[in-house]
Each structure stands twice: as C-alpha cells, then as structure tokens.
Amino acid sequence: NGEFHALHNRCPHAAGTLCMGPVTGTTMPTEHGAREFVYGSEGHILRCAWHGWEFEIETGKCLIDAKVRAKTFKVSVENDDVVVHI
C-alpha cells in the first residue's frame, strides 16, 4: 500500500533476528472454530525465524500474546529518502 514501517531487529521472545523471518499472513478466526481455516492479513505479518512468533508489521503487536510487542519506530519520507526515527 506504499506505507513504510520499521521494527527493531530483535524478537522480544528470545532475541532472534526478525529480518531473517518471512513476511506472510496468518490464519484468521472464524465462526466455525477448528472446523474451518481462513488465511488472511497477507503481507502484514512478520514471523520470527527462530520460534515462529508472529508480529503485525504496522504495530509490532504479537499475535499469540497481547502483552508482547516488537519495538516499532516512526518512519517518514524526506526528499525521496526513507528515514527511520530512532
């Protein structure tokens, strides 16, 4: 969608390097529970390569534990340069 997002390159679970994990989607909840699986959020989830923990790229929110977040940074575009504000 043309937006930029920046996450710290350390998984808050076990300090794995997040950049080694895939950008993917995940299974979504449905009305039918375990009888039905729907894949969604394609391109919005970063999965840690070490243990598979999943994080929303936009917010850093962990999908399996709401108390855990990957650190995020503000990003802007200035004169055609992408700037990460640390």
PDB file of N, CA and C in Angstrom:
ATOM      1  N   ASN A   1       0.805  -1.195   0.000  1.00  0.00           N
ATOM      2  CA  ASN A   1       0.000   0.000   0.000  1.00  0.00           C
ATOM      3  C   ASN A   1       0.854   1.268   0.000  1.00  0.00           C
ATOM      4  N   GLY A   2       2.165   1.141  -0.141  1.00  0.00           N
ATOM      5  CA  GLY A   2       3.040   2.290  -0.223  1.00  0.00           C
ATOM      6  C   GLY A   2       3.489   2.866   1.108  1.00  0.00           C
ATOM      7  N   GLU A   3       3.061   2.282   2.224  1.00  0.00           N
ATOM      8  CA  GLU A   3       3.487   2.758   3.539  1.00  0.00           C
ATOM      9  C   GLU A   3       4.773   2.060   3.968  1.00  0.00           C
ATOM     10  N   PHE A   4       5.556   2.751   4.785  1.00  0.00           N
ATOM     11  CA  PHE A   4       6.776   2.177   5.334  1.00  0.00           C
ATOM     12  C   PHE A   4       6.608   1.975   6.832  1.00  0.00           C
ATOM     13  N   HIS A   5       7.180   0.871   7.335  1.00  0.00           N
ATOM     14  CA  HIS A   5       7.141   0.557   8.761  1.00  0.00           C
ATOM     15  C   HIS A   5       8.521   0.057   9.160  1.00  0.00           C
ATOM     16  N   ALA A   6       8.909   0.310  10.403  1.00  0.00           N
ATOM     17  CA  ALA A   6      10.212  -0.146  10.888  1.00  0.00           C
ATOM     18  C   ALA A   6      10.042  -0.830  12.233  1.00  0.00           C
ATOM     19  N   LEU A   7      10.642  -2.004  12.358  1.00  0.00           N
ATOM     20  CA  LEU A   7      10.653  -2.748  13.614  1.00  0.00           C
ATOM     21  C   LEU A   7      12.091  -3.004  14.030  1.00  0.00           C
ATOM     22  N   HIS A   8      12.305  -3.034  15.332  1.00  0.00           N
ATOM     23  CA  HIS A   8      13.619  -3.394  15.861  1.00  0.00           C
ATOM     24  C   HIS A   8      13.921  -4.818  15.404  1.00  0.00           C
ATOM     25  N   ASN A   9      15.158  -5.111  15.099  1.00  0.00           N
ATOM     26  CA  ASN A   9      15.531  -6.406  14.538  1.00  0.00           C
ATOM     27  C   ASN A   9      15.761  -7.476  15.607  1.00  0.00           C
ATOM     28  N   ARG A  10      15.087  -7.399  16.712  1.00  0.00           N
ATOM     29  CA  ARG A  10      15.186  -8.409  17.776  1.00  0.00           C
ATOM     30  C   ARG A  10      13.789  -8.837  18.198  1.00  0.00           C
ATOM     31  N   CYS A  11      13.545 -10.121  18.157  1.00  0.00           N
ATOM     32  CA  CYS A  11      12.280 -10.662  18.629  1.00  0.00           C
ATOM     33  C   CYS A  11      12.224 -10.521  20.148  1.00  0.00           C
ATOM     34  N   PRO A  12      11.142  -9.978  20.703  1.00  0.00           N
ATOM     35  CA  PRO A  12      11.054  -9.821  22.152  1.00  0.00           C
ATOM     36  C   PRO A  12      10.912 -11.150  22.889  1.00  0.00           C
ATOM     37  N   HIS A  13      10.654 -12.231  22.186  1.00  0.00           N
ATOM     38  CA  HIS A  13      10.520 -13.546  22.817  1.00  0.00           C
ATOM     39  C   HIS A  13      11.870 -14.108  23.218  1.00  0.00           C
ATOM     40  N   ALA A  14      12.810 -14.229  22.255  1.00  0.00           N
ATOM     41  CA  ALA A  14      14.103 -14.857  22.546  1.00  0.00           C
ATOM     42  C   ALA A  14      15.243 -14.190  21.786  1.00  0.00           C
ATOM     43  N   ALA A  15      15.058 -12.927  21.402  1.00  0.00           N
ATOM     44  CA  ALA A  15      16.089 -12.104  20.766  1.00  0.00           C
ATOM     45  C   ALA A  15      16.537 -12.600  19.396  1.00  0.00           C
ATOM     46  N   GLY A  16      15.692 -13.355  18.713  1.00  0.00           N
ATOM     47  CA  GLY A  16      16.017 -13.769  17.351  1.00  0.00           C
ATOM     48  C   GLY A  16      16.021 -12.565  16.414  1.00  0.00           C
ATOM     49  N   THR A  17      16.725 -12.682  15.298  1.00  0.00           N
ATOM     50  CA  THR A  17      16.757 -11.594  14.327  1.00  0.00           C
ATOM     51  C   THR A  17      15.504 -11.655  13.454  1.00  0.00           C
ATOM     52  N   LEU A  18      14.641 -10.657  13.603  1.00  0.00           N
ATOM     53  CA  LEU A  18      13.374 -10.666  12.879  1.00  0.00           C
ATOM     54  C   LEU A  18      13.560 -10.577  11.372  1.00  0.00           C
ATOM     55  N   CYS A  19      14.649  -9.955  10.920  1.00  0.00           N
ATOM     56  CA  CYS A  19      14.844  -9.786   9.474  1.00  0.00           C
ATOM     57  C   CYS A  19      15.033 -11.126   8.755  1.00  0.00           C
ATOM     58  N   MET A  20      15.332 -12.182   9.471  1.00  0.00           N
ATOM     59  CA  MET A  20      15.515 -13.495   8.856  1.00  0.00           C
ATOM     60  C   MET A  20      14.189 -14.236   8.654  1.00  0.00           C
ATOM     61  N   GLY A  21      13.119 -13.720   9.247  1.00  0.00           N
ATOM     62  CA  GLY A  21      11.816 -14.370   9.138  1.00  0.00           C
ATOM     63  C   GLY A  21      11.035 -13.897   7.930  1.00  0.00           C
ATOM     64  N   PRO A  22      10.040 -14.670   7.507  1.00  0.00           N
ATOM     65  CA  PRO A  22       9.252 -14.293   6.340  1.00  0.00           C
ATOM     66  C   PRO A  22       8.189 -13.258   6.663  1.00  0.00           C
ATOM     67  N   VAL A  23       7.856 -12.436   5.664  1.00  0.00           N
ATOM     68  CA  VAL A  23       6.681 -11.582   5.718  1.00  0.00           C
ATOM     69  C   VAL A  23       5.565 -12.410   5.111  1.00  0.00           C
ATOM     70  N   THR A  24       4.495 -12.576   5.850  1.00  0.00           N
ATOM     71  CA  THR A  24       3.479 -13.538   5.469  1.00  0.00           C
ATOM     72  C   THR A  24       2.098 -13.071   5.909  1.00  0.00           C
ATOM     73  N   GLY A  25       1.191 -13.979   6.029  1.00  0.00           N
ATOM     74  CA  GLY A  25      -0.125 -13.757   6.606  1.00  0.00           C
ATOM     75  C   GLY A  25      -0.297 -14.762   7.726  1.00  0.00           C
ATOM     76  N   THR A  26      -1.532 -14.988   8.135  1.00  0.00           N
ATOM     77  CA  THR A  26      -1.771 -15.927   9.220  1.00  0.00           C
ATOM     78  C   THR A  26      -3.191 -16.468   9.120  1.00  0.00           C
ATOM     79  N   THR A  27      -3.484 -17.515   9.851  1.00  0.00           N
ATOM     80  CA  THR A  27      -4.859 -17.993   9.893  1.00  0.00           C
ATOM     81  C   THR A  27      -5.689 -17.032  10.736  1.00  0.00           C
ATOM     82  N   MET A  28      -6.906 -16.829  10.317  1.00  0.00           N
ATOM     83  CA  MET A  28      -7.803 -15.870  10.963  1.00  0.00           C
ATOM     84  C   MET A  28      -8.914 -16.613  11.706  1.00  0.00           C
ATOM     85  N   PRO A  29      -9.435 -16.014  12.785  1.00  0.00           N
ATOM     86  CA  PRO A  29     -10.558 -16.648  13.484  1.00  0.00           C
ATOM     87  C   PRO A  29     -11.808 -16.649  12.600  1.00  0.00           C
ATOM     88  N   THR A  30     -12.618 -17.674  12.766  1.00  0.00           N
ATOM     89  CA  THR A  30     -13.866 -17.777  12.008  1.00  0.00           C
ATOM     90  C   THR A  30     -14.991 -18.193  12.948  1.00  0.00           C
ATOM     91  N   GLU A  31     -16.196 -18.175  12.434  1.00  0.00           N
ATOM     92  CA  GLU A  31     -17.361 -18.612  13.212  1.00  0.00           C
ATOM     93  C   GLU A  31     -17.330 -20.108  13.492  1.00  0.00           C
ATOM     94  N   HIS A  32     -16.612 -20.866  12.686  1.00  0.00           N
ATOM     95  CA  HIS A  32     -16.643 -22.322  12.766  1.00  0.00           C
ATOM     96  C   HIS A  32     -15.467 -22.917  13.536  1.00  0.00           C
ATOM     97  N   GLY A  33     -14.658 -22.074  14.163  1.00  0.00           N
ATOM     98  CA  GLY A  33     -13.564 -22.554  15.005  1.00  0.00           C
ATOM     99  C   GLY A  33     -12.607 -23.474  14.274  1.00  0.00           C
ATOM    100  N   ALA A  34     -12.285 -24.597  14.894  1.00  0.00           N
ATOM    101  CA  ALA A  34     -11.285 -25.532  14.362  1.00  0.00           C
ATOM    102  C   ALA A  34     -11.750 -26.262  13.114  1.00  0.00           C
ATOM    103  N   ARG A  35     -13.019 -26.157  12.749  1.00  0.00           N
ATOM    104  CA  ARG A  35     -13.510 -26.852  11.555  1.00  0.00           C
ATOM    105  C   ARG A  35     -13.205 -26.103  10.271  1.00  0.00           C
ATOM    106  N   GLU A  36     -12.766 -24.838  10.395  1.00  0.00           N
ATOM    107  CA  GLU A  36     -12.533 -24.025   9.199  1.00  0.00           C
ATOM    108  C   GLU A  36     -11.292 -23.160   9.396  1.00  0.00           C
ATOM    109  N   PHE A  37     -10.431 -23.108   8.391  1.00  0.00           N
ATOM    110  CA  PHE A  37      -9.245 -22.268   8.444  1.00  0.00           C
ATOM    111  C   PHE A  37      -9.281 -21.284   7.287  1.00  0.00           C
ATOM    112  N   VAL A  38      -9.103 -20.007   7.615  1.00  0.00           N
ATOM    113  CA  VAL A  38      -9.098 -18.953   6.610  1.00  0.00           C
ATOM    114  C   VAL A  38      -7.779 -18.205   6.735  1.00  0.00           C
ATOM    115  N   TYR A  39      -7.083 -18.043   5.619  1.00  0.00           N
ATOM    116  CA  TYR A  39      -5.798 -17.341   5.603  1.00  0.00           C
ATOM    117  C   TYR A  39      -6.054 -15.875   5.321  1.00  0.00           C
ATOM    118  N   GLY A  40      -5.438 -14.975   6.108  1.00  0.00           N
ATOM    119  CA  GLY A  40      -5.656 -13.551   5.905  1.00  0.00           C
ATOM    120  C   GLY A  40      -4.438 -12.735   6.299  1.00  0.00           C
ATOM    121  N   SER A  41      -4.569 -11.435   6.227  1.00  0.00           N
ATOM    122  CA  SER A  41      -3.511 -10.478   6.578  1.00  0.00           C
ATOM    123  C   SER A  41      -2.226 -10.705   5.772  1.00  0.00           C
ATOM    124  N   GLU A  42      -2.388 -11.151   4.540  1.00  0.00           N
ATOM    125  CA  GLU A  42      -1.235 -11.408   3.665  1.00  0.00           C
ATOM    126  C   GLU A  42      -0.343 -10.167   3.555  1.00  0.00           C
ATOM    127  N   GLY A  43       0.956 -10.325   3.824  1.00  0.00           N
ATOM    128  CA  GLY A  43       1.914  -9.246   3.719  1.00  0.00           C
ATOM    129  C   GLY A  43       1.939  -8.308   4.919  1.00  0.00           C
ATOM    130  N   HIS A  44       1.183  -8.618   5.967  1.00  0.00           N
ATOM    131  CA  HIS A  44       1.105  -7.754   7.144  1.00  0.00           C
ATOM    132  C   HIS A  44       1.703  -8.393   8.395  1.00  0.00           C
ATOM    133  N   ILE A  45       2.205  -9.610   8.278  1.00  0.00           N
ATOM    134  CA  ILE A  45       2.720 -10.340   9.435  1.00  0.00           C
ATOM    135  C   ILE A  45       4.190 -10.675   9.213  1.00  0.00           C
ATOM    136  N   LEU A  46       5.002 -10.444  10.240  1.00  0.00           N
ATOM    137  CA  LEU A  46       6.411 -10.840  10.222  1.00  0.00           C
ATOM    138  C   LEU A  46       6.571 -11.981  11.209  1.00  0.00           C
ATOM    139  N   ARG A  47       7.083 -13.104  10.727  1.00  0.00           N
ATOM    140  CA  ARG A  47       7.246 -14.293  11.572  1.00  0.00           C
ATOM    141  C   ARG A  47       8.712 -14.466  11.936  1.00  0.00           C
ATOM    142  N   CYS A  48       8.999 -14.552  13.229  1.00  0.00           N
ATOM    143  CA  CYS A  48      10.367 -14.768  13.690  1.00  0.00           C
ATOM    144  C   CYS A  48      10.866 -16.120  13.180  1.00  0.00           C
ATOM    145  N   ALA A  49      12.052 -16.130  12.620  1.00  0.00           N
ATOM    146  CA  ALA A  49      12.616 -17.355  12.047  1.00  0.00           C
ATOM    147  C   ALA A  49      13.004 -18.374  13.116  1.00  0.00           C
ATOM    148  N   TRP A  50      13.236 -17.931  14.343  1.00  0.00           N
ATOM    149  CA  TRP A  50      13.685 -18.864  15.378  1.00  0.00           C
ATOM    150  C   TRP A  50      12.568 -19.756  15.914  1.00  0.00           C
ATOM    151  N   HIS A  51      11.464 -19.165  16.356  1.00  0.00           N
ATOM    152  CA  HIS A  51      10.412 -19.947  17.004  1.00  0.00           C
ATOM    153  C   HIS A  51       9.028 -19.723  16.406  1.00  0.00           C
ATOM    154  N   GLY A  52       8.952 -18.910  15.350  1.00  0.00           N
ATOM    155  CA  GLY A  52       7.688 -18.732  14.645  1.00  0.00           C
ATOM    156  C   GLY A  52       6.712 -17.747  15.257  1.00  0.00           C
ATOM    157  N   TRP A  53       7.146 -16.967  16.252  1.00  0.00           N
ATOM    158  CA  TRP A  53       6.239 -15.963  16.806  1.00  0.00           C
ATOM    159  C   TRP A  53       5.891 -14.964  15.712  1.00  0.00           C
ATOM    160  N   GLU A  54       4.635 -14.531  15.674  1.00  0.00           N
ATOM    161  CA  GLU A  54       4.156 -13.648  14.614  1.00  0.00           C
ATOM    162  C   GLU A  54       3.840 -12.259  15.161  1.00  0.00           C
ATOM    163  N   PHE A  55       4.228 -11.233  14.383  1.00  0.00           N
ATOM    164  CA  PHE A  55       4.033  -9.846  14.778  1.00  0.00           C
ATOM    165  C   PHE A  55       3.395  -9.063  13.642  1.00  0.00           C
ATOM    166  N   GLU A  56       2.449  -8.185  13.983  1.00  0.00           N
ATOM    167  CA  GLU A  56       1.883  -7.280  12.991  1.00  0.00           C
ATOM    168  C   GLU A  56       2.959  -6.265  12.617  1.00  0.00           C
ATOM    169  N   ILE A  57       3.243  -6.114  11.355  1.00  0.00           N
ATOM    170  CA  ILE A  57       4.291  -5.201  10.905  1.00  0.00           C
ATOM    171  C   ILE A  57       3.941  -3.750  11.255  1.00  0.00           C
ATOM    172  N   GLU A  58       2.695  -3.368  11.122  1.00  0.00           N
ATOM    173  CA  GLU A  58       2.291  -1.979  11.355  1.00  0.00           C
ATOM    174  C   GLU A  58       2.402  -1.564  12.825  1.00  0.00           C
ATOM    175  N   THR A  59       2.120  -2.493  13.752  1.00  0.00           N
ATOM    176  CA  THR A  59       2.033  -2.139  15.179  1.00  0.00           C
ATOM    177  C   THR A  59       3.075  -2.811  16.059  1.00  0.00           C
ATOM    178  N   GLY A  60       3.677  -3.903  15.588  1.00  0.00           N
ATOM    179  CA  GLY A  60       4.595  -4.690  16.407  1.00  0.00           C
ATOM    180  C   GLY A  60       3.885  -5.653  17.339  1.00  0.00           C
ATOM    181  N   LYS A  61       2.552  -5.645  17.353  1.00  0.00           N
ATOM    182  CA  LYS A  61       1.762  -6.489  18.246  1.00  0.00           C
ATOM    183  C   LYS A  61       1.991  -7.971  17.951  1.00  0.00           C
ATOM    184  N   CYS A  62       2.241  -8.733  19.010  1.00  0.00           N
ATOM    185  CA  CYS A  62       2.408 -10.181  18.892  1.00  0.00           C
ATOM    186  C   CYS A  62       1.032 -10.832  18.793  1.00  0.00           C
ATOM    187  N   LEU A  63       0.866 -11.767  17.875  1.00  0.00           N
ATOM    188  CA  LEU A  63      -0.438 -12.386  17.677  1.00  0.00           C
ATOM    189  C   LEU A  63      -0.786 -13.411  18.739  1.00  0.00           C
ATOM    190  N   ILE A  64       0.205 -13.979  19.428  1.00  0.00           N
ATOM    191  CA  ILE A  64      -0.115 -15.010  20.416  1.00  0.00           C
ATOM    192  C   ILE A  64      -0.097 -14.509  21.852  1.00  0.00           C
ATOM    193  N   ASP A  65       0.430 -13.316  22.095  1.00  0.00           N
ATOM    194  CA  ASP A  65       0.471 -12.765  23.452  1.00  0.00           C
ATOM    195  C   ASP A  65       0.370 -11.248  23.356  1.00  0.00           C
ATOM    196  N   ALA A  66      -0.803 -10.712  23.696  1.00  0.00           N
ATOM    197  CA  ALA A  66      -1.059  -9.272  23.548  1.00  0.00           C
ATOM    198  C   ALA A  66      -0.139  -8.416  24.412  1.00  0.00           C
ATOM    199  N   LYS A  67       0.509  -8.996  25.415  1.00  0.00           N
ATOM    200  CA  LYS A  67       1.417  -8.235  26.284  1.00  0.00           C
ATOM    201  C   LYS A  67       2.800  -8.066  25.660  1.00  0.00           C
ATOM    202  N   VAL A  68       3.071  -8.792  24.573  1.00  0.00           N
ATOM    203  CA  VAL A  68       4.385  -8.759  23.929  1.00  0.00           C
ATOM    204  C   VAL A  68       4.293  -7.967  22.632  1.00  0.00           C
ATOM    205  N   ARG A  69       5.278  -7.102  22.406  1.00  0.00           N
ATOM    206  CA  ARG A  69       5.336  -6.317  21.168  1.00  0.00           C
ATOM    207  C   ARG A  69       6.773  -6.231  20.678  1.00  0.00           C
ATOM    208  N   ALA A  70       6.928  -6.245  19.371  1.00  0.00           N
ATOM    209  CA  ALA A  70       8.218  -5.906  18.775  1.00  0.00           C
ATOM    210  C   ALA A  70       8.277  -4.385  18.748  1.00  0.00           C
ATOM    211  N   LYS A  71       9.416  -3.832  19.097  1.00  0.00           N
ATOM    212  CA  LYS A  71       9.553  -2.375  19.128  1.00  0.00           C
ATOM    213  C   LYS A  71       9.413  -1.823  17.720  1.00  0.00           C
ATOM    214  N   THR A  72       8.638  -0.752  17.582  1.00  0.00           N
ATOM    215  CA  THR A  72       8.450  -0.095  16.293  1.00  0.00           C
ATOM    216  C   THR A  72       9.064   1.304  16.340  1.00  0.00           C
ATOM    217  N   PHE A  73       9.350   1.835  15.175  1.00  0.00           N
ATOM    218  CA  PHE A  73       9.914   3.177  15.044  1.00  0.00           C
ATOM    219  C   PHE A  73       9.099   3.958  14.033  1.00  0.00           C
ATOM    220  N   LYS A  74       8.986   5.260  14.249  1.00  0.00           N
ATOM    221  CA  LYS A  74       8.333   6.144  13.293  1.00  0.00           C
ATOM    222  C   LYS A  74       9.180   6.208  12.026  1.00  0.00           C
ATOM    223  N   VAL A  75       8.516   6.256  10.894  1.00  0.00           N
ATOM    224  CA  VAL A  75       9.187   6.319   9.590  1.00  0.00           C
ATOM    225  C   VAL A  75       8.596   7.488   8.800  1.00  0.00           C
ATOM    226  N   SER A  76       9.448   8.219   8.113  1.00  0.00           N
ATOM    227  CA  SER A  76       8.975   9.291   7.234  1.00  0.00           C
ATOM    228  C   SER A  76       9.765   9.252   5.934  1.00  0.00           C
ATOM    229  N   VAL A  77       9.227   9.904   4.926  1.00  0.00           N
ATOM    230  CA  VAL A  77       9.922  10.033   3.646  1.00  0.00           C
ATOM    231  C   VAL A  77      10.272  11.510   3.486  1.00  0.00           C
ATOM    232  N   GLU A  78      11.567  11.784   3.355  1.00  0.00           N
ATOM    233  CA  GLU A  78      12.054  13.157   3.232  1.00  0.00           C
ATOM    234  C   GLU A  78      12.960  13.251   2.009  1.00  0.00           C
ATOM    235  N   ASN A  79      12.539  14.043   1.021  1.00  0.00           N
ATOM    236  CA  ASN A  79      13.317  14.209  -0.211  1.00  0.00           C
ATOM    237  C   ASN A  79      13.669  12.870  -0.857  1.00  0.00           C
ATOM    238  N   ASP A  80      12.699  11.991  -0.983  1.00  0.00           N
ATOM    239  CA  ASP A  80      12.859  10.670  -1.592  1.00  0.00           C
ATOM    240  C   ASP A  80      13.692   9.695  -0.764  1.00  0.00           C
ATOM    241  N   ASP A  81      14.057  10.056   0.471  1.00  0.00           N
ATOM    242  CA  ASP A  81      14.775   9.161   1.368  1.00  0.00           C
ATOM    243  C   ASP A  81      13.831   8.641   2.434  1.00  0.00           C
ATOM    244  N   VAL A  82      13.925   7.359   2.732  1.00  0.00           N
ATOM    245  CA  VAL A  82      13.155   6.788   3.836  1.00  0.00           C
ATOM    246  C   VAL A  82      13.968   6.979   5.104  1.00  0.00           C
ATOM    247  N   VAL A  83      13.371   7.647   6.105  1.00  0.00           N
ATOM    248  CA  VAL A  83      14.075   7.966   7.351  1.00  0.00           C
ATOM    249  C   VAL A  83      13.383   7.241   8.500  1.00  0.00           C
ATOM    250  N   VAL A  84      14.187   6.483   9.254  1.00  0.00           N
ATOM    251  CA  VAL A  84      13.690   5.804  10.451  1.00  0.00           C
ATOM    252  C   VAL A  84      14.102   6.652  11.644  1.00  0.00           C
ATOM    253  N   HIS A  85      13.126   7.065  12.442  1.00  0.00           N
ATOM    254  CA  HIS A  85      13.383   7.921  13.611  1.00  0.00           C
ATOM    255  C   HIS A  85      13.596   7.047  14.840  1.00  0.00           C
ATOM    256  N   ILE A  86      14.852   6.991  15.277  1.00  0.00           N
ATOM    257  CA  ILE A  86      15.225   6.145  16.426  1.00  0.00           C
ATOM    258  C   ILE A  86      15.295   6.981  17.676  1.00  0.00           C
TER     259      ILE A  86
END
